[in-house]
């Protein structure tokens, strides 16, 4: 029997049972002996706030009673299953995007138009399709982006121009400044505002950079993000 065939009431009971099993114990039960952690291992309180425990290290199992070492930037990753009660200590925080959980450093493609990466709790995406039109040229005076059936990205198409354009080109030079001024006024109704890209969120390895841009068809201020890298990260083994 598949999960979809299980009655919804039974699924809710199962979910509640798993979540209840992940709750903290009451009352707290701590070891009577003094806590002694190995050299280099931090002594921290568990996520229930009950007892001091030796923090779990990289690639070790973790849960609420056995948290990861926060002083080393470790987080308990439970994977994509929200009902999991045991995880693994990894570096960096997970990301939630469109209801799904992604691990730190995981690459994913939410659509055919974007490629994204989870970086310590933040999602950075890069476009896979062209966003800006090329400048008009003699060979292509009116470039456009058109939707092609069966393809994800729009495609550049050079249109031959409308009849109005052909008429305007045949006007005498005395009338051209008037029409050019009218076109300039129409274009200035929506003044594009674009800020500089912010500094990279990380000085080593991949990070996130943002900017505000209103250069779109609706002339709305939109926050854009992109991946950035000041310098490549150096493997920890080099320093050990």
Protein backbone atom coordinates (compact mmCIF):
# COMPACT_ATOMS: atom_id res chain seq x y z
CA UNK A 1 0.00 0.00 0.00
CA UNK A 2 1.47 3.38 -1.02
CA UNK A 3 1.51 6.46 1.15
CA UNK A 4 -1.21 8.06 -0.98
CA UNK A 5 -3.52 5.12 -0.28
CA UNK A 6 -3.26 5.50 3.52
CA UNK A 7 -6.27 7.34 5.00
CA UNK A 8 -5.49 10.93 5.89
CA UNK A 9 -6.53 10.37 9.50
CA UNK A 10 -3.93 7.60 9.88
CA UNK A 11 -1.27 9.82 8.29
CA UNK A 12 -2.05 12.63 10.75
CA UNK A 13 -1.80 10.21 13.67
CA UNK A 14 1.56 8.97 12.38
CA UNK A 15 2.85 12.51 11.96
CA UNK A 16 1.74 13.47 15.48
CA UNK A 17 3.36 10.33 16.92
CA UNK A 18 6.70 11.05 15.26
CA UNK A 19 6.66 14.70 16.27
CA UNK A 20 5.73 13.74 19.83
CA UNK A 21 8.68 11.33 19.96
CA UNK A 22 10.98 14.23 19.07
CA UNK A 23 9.78 16.31 22.02
CA UNK A 24 12.05 16.90 24.98
CA UNK A 25 11.82 14.54 27.96
CA UNK A 26 10.04 15.68 31.10
CA UNK A 27 11.40 15.80 33.67
CA UNK A 28 15.00 16.23 32.54
CA UNK A 29 17.32 13.30 33.22
CA UNK A 30 21.02 14.12 33.28
CA UNK A 31 24.01 11.90 33.99
CA UNK A 32 25.07 12.14 37.66
CA UNK A 33 28.80 12.05 36.92
CA UNK A 34 30.76 15.22 36.00
CA UNK A 35 30.93 15.89 32.28
CA UNK A 36 34.34 15.44 30.66
CA UNK A 37 34.66 16.07 26.96
CA UNK A 38 37.65 15.11 24.77
CA UNK A 39 40.13 17.87 23.89
CA UNK A 40 38.74 20.19 21.23
CA UNK A 41 35.11 19.19 21.90
CA UNK A 42 32.79 21.85 23.33
CA UNK A 43 30.51 21.37 26.31
CA UNK A 44 27.04 22.70 25.45
CA UNK A 45 23.46 22.42 26.66
CA UNK A 46 21.19 20.17 24.63
CA UNK A 47 18.43 21.72 22.55
CA UNK A 48 15.93 20.91 25.30
CA UNK A 49 17.86 23.03 27.81
CA UNK A 50 18.11 20.10 30.18
CA UNK A 51 21.69 18.91 30.45
CA UNK A 52 25.20 19.79 29.45
CA UNK A 53 26.55 17.35 26.89
CA UNK A 54 29.61 16.96 24.71
CA UNK A 55 28.78 18.50 21.35
CA UNK A 56 28.65 16.19 18.36
CA UNK A 57 31.31 16.72 15.72
CA UNK A 58 31.42 16.72 11.92
CA UNK A 59 29.60 13.76 10.29
CA UNK A 60 28.41 12.43 13.68
CA UNK A 61 24.77 11.58 14.46
CA UNK A 62 22.76 14.29 16.20
CA UNK A 63 19.31 15.00 17.65
CA UNK A 64 17.71 17.29 20.23
CA UNK A 65 19.54 15.65 23.12
CA UNK A 66 22.83 15.43 21.21
CA UNK A 67 23.35 18.78 19.44
CA UNK A 68 26.18 19.64 17.07
CA UNK A 69 29.10 21.85 18.02
CA UNK A 70 27.94 25.45 17.39
CA UNK A 71 31.43 26.86 17.92
CA UNK A 72 32.55 25.06 14.75
CA UNK A 73 29.57 26.17 12.68
CA UNK A 74 27.98 22.70 12.66
CA UNK A 75 24.25 22.19 12.21
CA UNK A 76 22.13 19.07 12.61
CA UNK A 77 20.83 18.24 9.12
CA UNK A 78 17.72 16.07 9.03
CA UNK A 79 17.58 15.81 5.23
CA UNK A 80 14.44 16.39 3.22
CA UNK A 81 12.23 14.41 5.63
CA UNK A 82 10.57 16.84 8.08
CA UNK A 83 9.64 13.91 10.36
CA UNK A 84 13.18 12.60 10.78
CA UNK A 85 14.25 12.47 14.43
CA UNK A 86 17.97 11.93 13.82
CA UNK A 87 20.38 13.81 11.60
CA UNK A 88 24.06 14.30 10.79
CA UNK A 89 26.32 17.17 11.84
CA UNK A 90 27.33 19.18 8.77
CA UNK A 91 28.74 22.64 8.19
CA UNK A 92 26.29 25.42 7.35
CA UNK A 93 22.53 25.78 7.65
CA UNK A 94 19.93 24.21 5.42
CA UNK A 95 17.70 26.20 3.04
CA UNK A 96 13.95 26.06 2.49
CA UNK A 97 12.77 26.88 -1.02
CA UNK A 98 9.23 26.36 -2.29
CA UNK A 99 8.45 24.02 0.60
CA UNK A 100 11.51 21.81 0.12
CA UNK A 101 14.63 21.52 2.30
CA UNK A 102 18.08 21.65 0.68
CA UNK A 103 21.41 20.93 2.36
CA UNK A 104 24.18 23.49 2.60
CA UNK A 105 26.16 23.47 -0.65
CA UNK A 106 23.47 21.54 -2.54
CA UNK A 107 22.77 22.60 -6.12
CA UNK A 108 19.22 22.35 -7.42
CA UNK A 109 17.16 23.54 -10.37
CA UNK A 110 13.69 24.69 -9.25
CA UNK A 111 12.72 25.39 -12.85
CA UNK A 112 14.19 25.21 -16.31
CA UNK A 113 15.03 28.92 -16.05
CA UNK A 114 17.16 28.98 -12.89
CA UNK A 115 20.04 27.09 -11.26
CA UNK A 116 20.25 27.60 -7.48
CA UNK A 117 22.65 26.78 -4.64
CA UNK A 118 22.04 26.62 -0.89
CA UNK A 119 24.74 28.58 0.96
CA UNK A 120 24.47 28.57 4.75
CA UNK A 121 20.73 29.21 4.92
CA UNK A 122 20.54 31.53 1.90
CA UNK A 123 19.52 30.58 -1.63
CA UNK A 124 21.42 32.08 -4.56
CA UNK A 125 20.17 31.57 -8.10
CA UNK A 126 21.60 32.18 -11.54
CA UNK A 127 19.42 32.61 -14.65
CA UNK A 128 19.74 29.99 -17.36
CA UNK A 129 17.88 32.09 -19.90
CA UNK A 130 18.81 35.49 -21.42
CA UNK A 131 17.16 38.37 -19.58
CA UNK A 132 18.28 41.43 -21.52
CA UNK A 133 17.76 42.31 -25.15
CA UNK A 134 20.84 43.06 -27.26
CA UNK A 135 21.30 46.58 -28.58
CA UNK A 136 19.64 47.38 -31.87
CA UNK A 137 21.90 47.24 -34.90
CA UNK A 138 21.61 47.75 -38.64
CA UNK A 139 21.18 44.03 -39.14
CA UNK A 140 18.62 43.75 -36.31
CA UNK A 141 16.86 47.09 -35.69
CA UNK A 142 14.07 45.62 -33.51
CA UNK A 143 15.25 42.63 -31.42
CA UNK A 144 12.57 40.84 -29.42
CA UNK A 145 12.28 37.88 -27.04
CA UNK A 146 9.63 35.42 -28.17
CA UNK A 147 8.26 32.28 -26.53
CA UNK A 148 9.08 29.21 -28.61
CA UNK A 149 6.68 26.24 -28.27
CA UNK A 150 8.38 23.28 -26.62
CA UNK A 151 11.32 25.35 -25.32
CA UNK A 152 11.84 26.77 -21.85
CA UNK A 153 13.79 29.92 -22.66
CA UNK A 154 12.59 32.68 -24.93
CA UNK A 155 14.56 33.21 -28.11
CA UNK A 156 15.94 36.36 -29.70
CA UNK A 157 14.07 37.23 -32.90
CA UNK A 158 14.89 40.09 -35.25
CA UNK A 159 11.61 41.60 -36.41
CA UNK A 160 11.54 43.57 -39.64
CA UNK A 161 9.72 46.48 -38.02
CA UNK A 162 6.16 47.73 -38.30
CA UNK A 163 4.75 49.99 -40.98
CA UNK A 164 4.84 52.90 -38.54
CA UNK A 165 8.59 52.52 -38.30
CA UNK A 166 8.90 52.49 -42.06
CA UNK A 167 6.84 55.69 -42.32
CA UNK A 168 8.89 57.46 -39.67
CA UNK A 169 12.08 56.70 -41.55
CA UNK A 170 10.70 58.31 -44.69
CA UNK A 171 9.76 61.56 -42.93
CA UNK A 172 11.69 64.67 -43.80
CA UNK A 173 14.48 65.81 -41.54
CA UNK A 174 12.38 68.77 -40.37
CA UNK A 175 9.82 66.48 -38.68
CA UNK A 176 12.24 63.98 -37.17
CA UNK A 177 13.24 66.01 -34.07
CA UNK A 178 9.56 66.32 -33.09
CA UNK A 179 8.91 62.57 -33.19
CA UNK A 180 12.22 61.82 -31.50
CA UNK A 181 11.28 64.10 -28.59
CA UNK A 182 7.93 62.33 -28.24
CA UNK A 183 9.64 58.94 -28.13
CA UNK A 184 12.12 60.17 -25.54
CA UNK A 185 9.31 61.43 -23.29
CA UNK A 186 7.55 58.06 -23.48
CA UNK A 187 10.71 56.21 -22.62
CA UNK A 188 11.38 58.47 -19.62
CA UNK A 189 8.03 57.66 -17.98
CA UNK A 190 9.74 54.66 -16.36
CA UNK A 191 13.22 55.59 -15.22
CA UNK A 192 15.25 52.44 -14.60
CA UNK A 193 16.93 52.36 -11.19
CA UNK A 194 19.66 49.82 -10.51
CA UNK A 195 21.89 49.75 -7.45
CA UNK A 196 25.38 48.33 -7.37
CA UNK A 197 25.85 44.70 -6.37
CA UNK A 198 26.40 44.40 -2.62
CA UNK A 199 29.69 43.00 -1.27
CA UNK A 200 29.89 39.22 -1.24
CA UNK A 201 28.45 37.72 1.95
CA UNK A 202 31.55 35.54 2.34
CA UNK A 203 35.21 36.43 1.94
CA UNK A 204 36.15 32.81 1.22
CA UNK A 205 34.21 30.39 -0.97
CA UNK A 206 30.80 31.02 -2.52
CA UNK A 207 28.53 33.69 -1.08
CA UNK A 208 25.50 35.81 -1.95
CA UNK A 209 25.40 39.29 -3.52
CA UNK A 210 22.22 41.35 -3.94
CA UNK A 211 21.03 44.47 -5.74
CA UNK A 212 17.78 46.37 -6.40
CA UNK A 213 16.68 46.70 -10.02
CA UNK A 214 13.61 48.29 -11.63
CA UNK A 215 14.65 47.60 -15.23
CA UNK A 216 11.70 45.32 -16.04
CA UNK A 217 8.45 45.48 -17.98
CA UNK A 218 6.42 46.49 -14.89
CA UNK A 219 8.98 49.04 -13.65
CA UNK A 220 8.93 47.54 -10.15
CA UNK A 221 11.81 47.48 -7.70
CA UNK A 222 12.91 43.84 -7.48
CA UNK A 223 15.62 42.37 -5.26
CA UNK A 224 18.01 40.25 -7.33
CA UNK A 225 20.53 37.76 -5.96
CA UNK A 226 23.53 36.09 -7.52
CA UNK A 227 26.38 33.84 -6.49
CA UNK A 228 29.74 35.46 -5.80
CA UNK A 229 33.23 34.33 -4.83
CA UNK A 230 36.03 36.58 -3.53
CA UNK A 231 38.54 33.75 -3.40
CA UNK A 232 38.25 29.93 -3.42
CA UNK A 233 37.91 28.18 -0.07
CA UNK A 234 40.91 26.24 1.18
CA UNK A 235 40.37 22.70 2.37
CA UNK A 236 40.61 22.32 6.13
CA UNK A 237 43.09 19.52 5.68
CA UNK A 238 45.70 22.01 4.53
CA UNK A 239 45.67 23.68 7.94
CA UNK A 240 45.56 20.54 10.05
